[in-house]
Amino acid sequence: MMAQRKKSDLPSKICPVCDRPFSWRARWKNQWDDIVYCSKRCSGQRWRLKRADPDNKA
């Protein structure tokens, strides 16, 4: 059996929508490099990034 890791030792990323950190989950082990958003909600609200951009004068 593998030794368990502390939660603080797990890799983490920052969600570009909500700017909150999120940690590695076992179900993401094969696709961690492809994960960008912390949740389905943030994935669905990624359009907010374009609207909230102050350089976008549209």
PDB file of N, CA and C in Angstrom:
ATOM      1  N   MET A   1       0.843  -1.185   0.000  1.00  0.00           N
ATOM      2  CA  MET A   1       0.000   0.000   0.000  1.00  0.00           C
ATOM      3  C   MET A   1       0.890   1.250   0.000  1.00  0.00           C
ATOM      4  N   MET A   2       0.459   2.259  -0.747  1.00  0.00           N
ATOM      5  CA  MET A   2       1.217   3.497  -0.839  1.00  0.00           C
ATOM      6  C   MET A   2       1.084   4.325   0.431  1.00  0.00           C
ATOM      7  N   ALA A   3       2.132   5.032   0.750  1.00  0.00           N
ATOM      8  CA  ALA A   3       2.073   5.934   1.897  1.00  0.00           C
ATOM      9  C   ALA A   3       1.184   7.125   1.548  1.00  0.00           C
ATOM     10  N   GLN A   4       0.413   7.555   2.491  1.00  0.00           N
ATOM     11  CA  GLN A   4      -0.480   8.689   2.246  1.00  0.00           C
ATOM     12  C   GLN A   4       0.299   9.994   2.366  1.00  0.00           C
ATOM     13  N   ARG A   5      -0.157  10.981   1.617  1.00  0.00           N
ATOM     14  CA  ARG A   5       0.446  12.295   1.647  1.00  0.00           C
ATOM     15  C   ARG A   5      -0.433  13.241   2.437  1.00  0.00           C
ATOM     16  N   LYS A   6       0.177  14.260   2.977  1.00  0.00           N
ATOM     17  CA  LYS A   6      -0.588  15.310   3.629  1.00  0.00           C
ATOM     18  C   LYS A   6      -1.253  16.161   2.552  1.00  0.00           C
ATOM     19  N   LYS A   7      -2.377  16.743   2.875  1.00  0.00           N
ATOM     20  CA  LYS A   7      -3.061  17.585   1.891  1.00  0.00           C
ATOM     21  C   LYS A   7      -2.204  18.773   1.481  1.00  0.00           C
ATOM     22  N   SER A   8      -1.393  19.258   2.381  1.00  0.00           N
ATOM     23  CA  SER A   8      -0.542  20.397   2.047  1.00  0.00           C
ATOM     24  C   SER A   8       0.564  20.023   1.066  1.00  0.00           C
ATOM     25  N   ASP A   9       0.846  18.724   0.918  1.00  0.00           N
ATOM     26  CA  ASP A   9       1.884  18.271  -0.013  1.00  0.00           C
ATOM     27  C   ASP A   9       1.353  18.034  -1.417  1.00  0.00           C
ATOM     28  N   LEU A  10       0.047  18.085  -1.620  1.00  0.00           N
ATOM     29  CA  LEU A  10      -0.538  17.835  -2.934  1.00  0.00           C
ATOM     30  C   LEU A  10      -0.317  19.034  -3.851  1.00  0.00           C
ATOM     31  N   PRO A  11      -0.155  18.781  -5.139  1.00  0.00           N
ATOM     32  CA  PRO A  11      -0.002  19.908  -6.065  1.00  0.00           C
ATOM     33  C   PRO A  11      -1.290  20.729  -6.139  1.00  0.00           C
ATOM     34  N   SER A  12      -1.148  21.994  -6.434  1.00  0.00           N
ATOM     35  CA  SER A  12      -2.328  22.849  -6.544  1.00  0.00           C
ATOM     36  C   SER A  12      -2.152  23.822  -7.702  1.00  0.00           C
ATOM     37  N   LYS A  13      -3.278  24.399  -8.110  1.00  0.00           N
ATOM     38  CA  LYS A  13      -3.319  25.396  -9.182  1.00  0.00           C
ATOM     39  C   LYS A  13      -4.261  26.508  -8.751  1.00  0.00           C
ATOM     40  N   ILE A  14      -4.215  27.612  -9.472  1.00  0.00           N
ATOM     41  CA  ILE A  14      -5.117  28.738  -9.236  1.00  0.00           C
ATOM     42  C   ILE A  14      -6.142  28.767 -10.366  1.00  0.00           C
ATOM     43  N   CYS A  15      -7.409  28.813 -10.015  1.00  0.00           N
ATOM     44  CA  CYS A  15      -8.477  28.886 -11.010  1.00  0.00           C
ATOM     45  C   CYS A  15      -8.470  30.277 -11.641  1.00  0.00           C
ATOM     46  N   PRO A  16      -8.446  30.379 -12.969  1.00  0.00           N
ATOM     47  CA  PRO A  16      -8.400  31.699 -13.618  1.00  0.00           C
ATOM     48  C   PRO A  16      -9.713  32.481 -13.520  1.00  0.00           C
ATOM     49  N   VAL A  17     -10.808  31.828 -13.169  1.00  0.00           N
ATOM     50  CA  VAL A  17     -12.093  32.513 -13.079  1.00  0.00           C
ATOM     51  C   VAL A  17     -12.299  33.105 -11.686  1.00  0.00           C
ATOM     52  N   CYS A  18     -12.154  32.280 -10.655  1.00  0.00           N
ATOM     53  CA  CYS A  18     -12.444  32.739  -9.293  1.00  0.00           C
ATOM     54  C   CYS A  18     -11.182  33.083  -8.503  1.00  0.00           C
ATOM     55  N   ASP A  19     -10.011  32.864  -9.074  1.00  0.00           N
ATOM     56  CA  ASP A  19      -8.720  33.155  -8.438  1.00  0.00           C
ATOM     57  C   ASP A  19      -8.520  32.442  -7.107  1.00  0.00           C
ATOM     58  N   ARG A  20      -9.135  31.281  -6.960  1.00  0.00           N
ATOM     59  CA  ARG A  20      -8.956  30.491  -5.743  1.00  0.00           C
ATOM     60  C   ARG A  20      -8.079  29.285  -6.044  1.00  0.00           C
ATOM     61  N   PRO A  21      -7.291  28.867  -5.060  1.00  0.00           N
ATOM     62  CA  PRO A  21      -6.474  27.670  -5.269  1.00  0.00           C
ATOM     63  C   PRO A  21      -7.325  26.408  -5.189  1.00  0.00           C
ATOM     64  N   PHE A  22      -6.966  25.413  -5.977  1.00  0.00           N
ATOM     65  CA  PHE A  22      -7.606  24.109  -5.862  1.00  0.00           C
ATOM     66  C   PHE A  22      -6.530  23.046  -5.952  1.00  0.00           C
ATOM     67  N   SER A  23      -6.761  21.945  -5.242  1.00  0.00           N
ATOM     68  CA  SER A  23      -5.751  20.901  -5.112  1.00  0.00           C
ATOM     69  C   SER A  23      -6.055  19.703  -5.979  1.00  0.00           C
ATOM     70  N   TRP A  24      -5.024  18.924  -6.183  1.00  0.00           N
ATOM     71  CA  TRP A  24      -5.088  17.681  -6.943  1.00  0.00           C
ATOM     72  C   TRP A  24      -6.111  16.746  -6.312  1.00  0.00           C
ATOM     73  N   ARG A  25      -6.864  16.060  -7.147  1.00  0.00           N
ATOM     74  CA  ARG A  25      -7.820  15.053  -6.694  1.00  0.00           C
ATOM     75  C   ARG A  25      -7.487  13.733  -7.376  1.00  0.00           C
ATOM     76  N   ALA A  26      -7.781  12.652  -6.705  1.00  0.00           N
ATOM     77  CA  ALA A  26      -7.452  11.324  -7.231  1.00  0.00           C
ATOM     78  C   ALA A  26      -8.111  11.080  -8.586  1.00  0.00           C
ATOM     79  N   ARG A  27      -9.318  11.568  -8.767  1.00  0.00           N
ATOM     80  CA  ARG A  27      -9.992  11.320 -10.046  1.00  0.00           C
ATOM     81  C   ARG A  27      -9.379  12.120 -11.189  1.00  0.00           C
ATOM     82  N   TRP A  28      -8.541  13.110 -10.863  1.00  0.00           N
ATOM     83  CA  TRP A  28      -7.864  13.899 -11.889  1.00  0.00           C
ATOM     84  C   TRP A  28      -6.454  13.395 -12.163  1.00  0.00           C
ATOM     85  N   LYS A  29      -6.052  12.264 -11.598  1.00  0.00           N
ATOM     86  CA  LYS A  29      -4.653  11.847 -11.666  1.00  0.00           C
ATOM     87  C   LYS A  29      -4.136  11.673 -13.083  1.00  0.00           C
ATOM     88  N   ASN A  30      -4.978  11.237 -14.000  1.00  0.00           N
ATOM     89  CA  ASN A  30      -4.525  11.020 -15.378  1.00  0.00           C
ATOM     90  C   ASN A  30      -4.614  12.263 -16.252  1.00  0.00           C
ATOM     91  N   GLN A  31      -5.294  13.300 -15.786  1.00  0.00           N
ATOM     92  CA  GLN A  31      -5.492  14.488 -16.616  1.00  0.00           C
ATOM     93  C   GLN A  31      -5.180  15.785 -15.875  1.00  0.00           C
ATOM     94  N   TRP A  32      -4.362  15.735 -14.851  1.00  0.00           N
ATOM     95  CA  TRP A  32      -4.061  16.918 -14.039  1.00  0.00           C
ATOM     96  C   TRP A  32      -3.483  18.046 -14.894  1.00  0.00           C
ATOM     97  N   ASP A  33      -2.686  17.713 -15.879  1.00  0.00           N
ATOM     98  CA  ASP A  33      -2.097  18.757 -16.732  1.00  0.00           C
ATOM     99  C   ASP A  33      -3.148  19.464 -17.582  1.00  0.00           C
ATOM    100  N   ASP A  34      -4.265  18.802 -17.853  1.00  0.00           N
ATOM    101  CA  ASP A  34      -5.323  19.386 -18.682  1.00  0.00           C
ATOM    102  C   ASP A  34      -6.361  20.154 -17.868  1.00  0.00           C
ATOM    103  N   ILE A  35      -6.378  19.978 -16.557  1.00  0.00           N
ATOM    104  CA  ILE A  35      -7.371  20.633 -15.705  1.00  0.00           C
ATOM    105  C   ILE A  35      -7.003  22.106 -15.570  1.00  0.00           C
ATOM    106  N   VAL A  36      -7.969  22.991 -15.837  1.00  0.00           N
ATOM    107  CA  VAL A  36      -7.733  24.427 -15.757  1.00  0.00           C
ATOM    108  C   VAL A  36      -8.619  25.068 -14.696  1.00  0.00           C
ATOM    109  N   TYR A  37      -9.871  24.644 -14.628  1.00  0.00           N
ATOM    110  CA  TYR A  37     -10.847  25.265 -13.740  1.00  0.00           C
ATOM    111  C   TYR A  37     -11.105  24.402 -12.515  1.00  0.00           C
ATOM    112  N   CYS A  38     -11.476  25.024 -11.416  1.00  0.00           N
ATOM    113  CA  CYS A  38     -11.668  24.299 -10.156  1.00  0.00           C
ATOM    114  C   CYS A  38     -12.989  23.551 -10.112  1.00  0.00           C
ATOM    115  N   SER A  39     -13.953  23.944 -10.914  1.00  0.00           N
ATOM    116  CA  SER A  39     -15.271  23.325 -10.844  1.00  0.00           C
ATOM    117  C   SER A  39     -15.993  23.457 -12.182  1.00  0.00           C
ATOM    118  N   LYS A  40     -17.108  22.772 -12.287  1.00  0.00           N
ATOM    119  CA  LYS A  40     -17.943  22.895 -13.487  1.00  0.00           C
ATOM    120  C   LYS A  40     -18.523  24.297 -13.580  1.00  0.00           C
ATOM    121  N   ARG A  41     -18.809  24.879 -12.452  1.00  0.00           N
ATOM    122  CA  ARG A  41     -19.355  26.235 -12.439  1.00  0.00           C
ATOM    123  C   ARG A  41     -18.367  27.234 -13.045  1.00  0.00           C
ATOM    124  N   CYS A  42     -17.117  27.156 -12.629  1.00  0.00           N
ATOM    125  CA  CYS A  42     -16.108  28.062 -13.181  1.00  0.00           C
ATOM    126  C   CYS A  42     -15.846  27.767 -14.655  1.00  0.00           C
ATOM    127  N   SER A  43     -15.909  26.514 -15.024  1.00  0.00           N
ATOM    128  CA  SER A  43     -15.741  26.160 -16.423  1.00  0.00           C
ATOM    129  C   SER A  43     -16.852  26.773 -17.268  1.00  0.00           C
ATOM    130  N   GLY A  44     -18.050  26.802 -16.726  1.00  0.00           N
ATOM    131  CA  GLY A  44     -19.176  27.384 -17.437  1.00  0.00           C
ATOM    132  C   GLY A  44     -19.169  28.896 -17.448  1.00  0.00           C
ATOM    133  N   GLN A  45     -18.441  29.501 -16.514  1.00  0.00           N
ATOM    134  CA  GLN A  45     -18.390  30.959 -16.427  1.00  0.00           C
ATOM    135  C   GLN A  45     -17.075  31.535 -16.944  1.00  0.00           C
ATOM    136  N   ARG A  46     -16.357  30.783 -17.756  1.00  0.00           N
ATOM    137  CA  ARG A  46     -15.073  31.270 -18.258  1.00  0.00           C
ATOM    138  C   ARG A  46     -15.227  32.500 -19.135  1.00  0.00           C
ATOM    139  N   TRP A  47     -16.418  32.760 -19.636  1.00  0.00           N
ATOM    140  CA  TRP A  47     -16.673  33.969 -20.428  1.00  0.00           C
ATOM    141  C   TRP A  47     -16.471  35.221 -19.590  1.00  0.00           C
ATOM    142  N   ARG A  48     -16.573  35.090 -18.247  1.00  0.00           N
ATOM    143  CA  ARG A  48     -16.363  36.240 -17.365  1.00  0.00           C
ATOM    144  C   ARG A  48     -14.957  36.800 -17.500  1.00  0.00           C
ATOM    145  N   LEU A  49     -14.011  35.951 -17.839  1.00  0.00           N
ATOM    146  CA  LEU A  49     -12.638  36.417 -17.988  1.00  0.00           C
ATOM    147  C   LEU A  49     -12.533  37.462 -19.094  1.00  0.00           C
ATOM    148  N   LYS A  50     -13.221  37.248 -20.187  1.00  0.00           N
ATOM    149  CA  LYS A  50     -13.158  38.178 -21.312  1.00  0.00           C
ATOM    150  C   LYS A  50     -13.881  39.482 -20.991  1.00  0.00           C
ATOM    151  N   ARG A  51     -14.996  39.386 -20.294  1.00  0.00           N
ATOM    152  CA  ARG A  51     -15.748  40.595 -19.953  1.00  0.00           C
ATOM    153  C   ARG A  51     -15.065  41.408 -18.867  1.00  0.00           C
ATOM    154  N   ALA A  52     -14.409  40.757 -17.938  1.00  0.00           N
ATOM    155  CA  ALA A  52     -13.774  41.446 -16.822  1.00  0.00           C
ATOM    156  C   ALA A  52     -12.414  42.030 -17.190  1.00  0.00           C
ATOM    157  N   ASP A  53     -11.918  41.730 -18.382  1.00  0.00           N
ATOM    158  CA  ASP A  53     -10.615  42.207 -18.810  1.00  0.00           C
ATOM    159  C   ASP A  53     -10.667  43.724 -19.012  1.00  0.00           C
ATOM    160  N   PRO A  54      -9.908  44.506 -18.235  1.00  0.00           N
ATOM    161  CA  PRO A  54      -9.967  45.971 -18.364  1.00  0.00           C
ATOM    162  C   PRO A  54      -9.385  46.483 -19.675  1.00  0.00           C
ATOM    163  N   ASP A  55      -8.532  45.697 -20.335  1.00  0.00           N
ATOM    164  CA  ASP A  55      -7.952  46.126 -21.606  1.00  0.00           C
ATOM    165  C   ASP A  55      -8.917  45.959 -22.764  1.00  0.00           C
ATOM    166  N   ASN A  56      -9.959  45.180 -22.552  1.00  0.00           N
ATOM    167  CA  ASN A  56     -10.947  44.927 -23.603  1.00  0.00           C
ATOM    168  C   ASN A  56     -11.927  46.102 -23.642  1.00  0.00           C
ATOM    169  N   LYS A  57     -11.823  46.935 -24.650  1.00  0.00           N
ATOM    170  CA  LYS A  57     -12.655  48.145 -24.752  1.00  0.00           C
ATOM    171  C   LYS A  57     -13.878  47.943 -25.637  1.00  0.00           C
ATOM    172  N   ALA A  58     -14.299  46.709 -25.809  1.00  0.00           N
ATOM    173  CA  ALA A  58     -15.429  46.409 -26.699  1.00  0.00           C
ATOM    174  C   ALA A  58     -16.752  46.816 -26.153  1.00  0.00           C
TER     175      ALA A  58
END
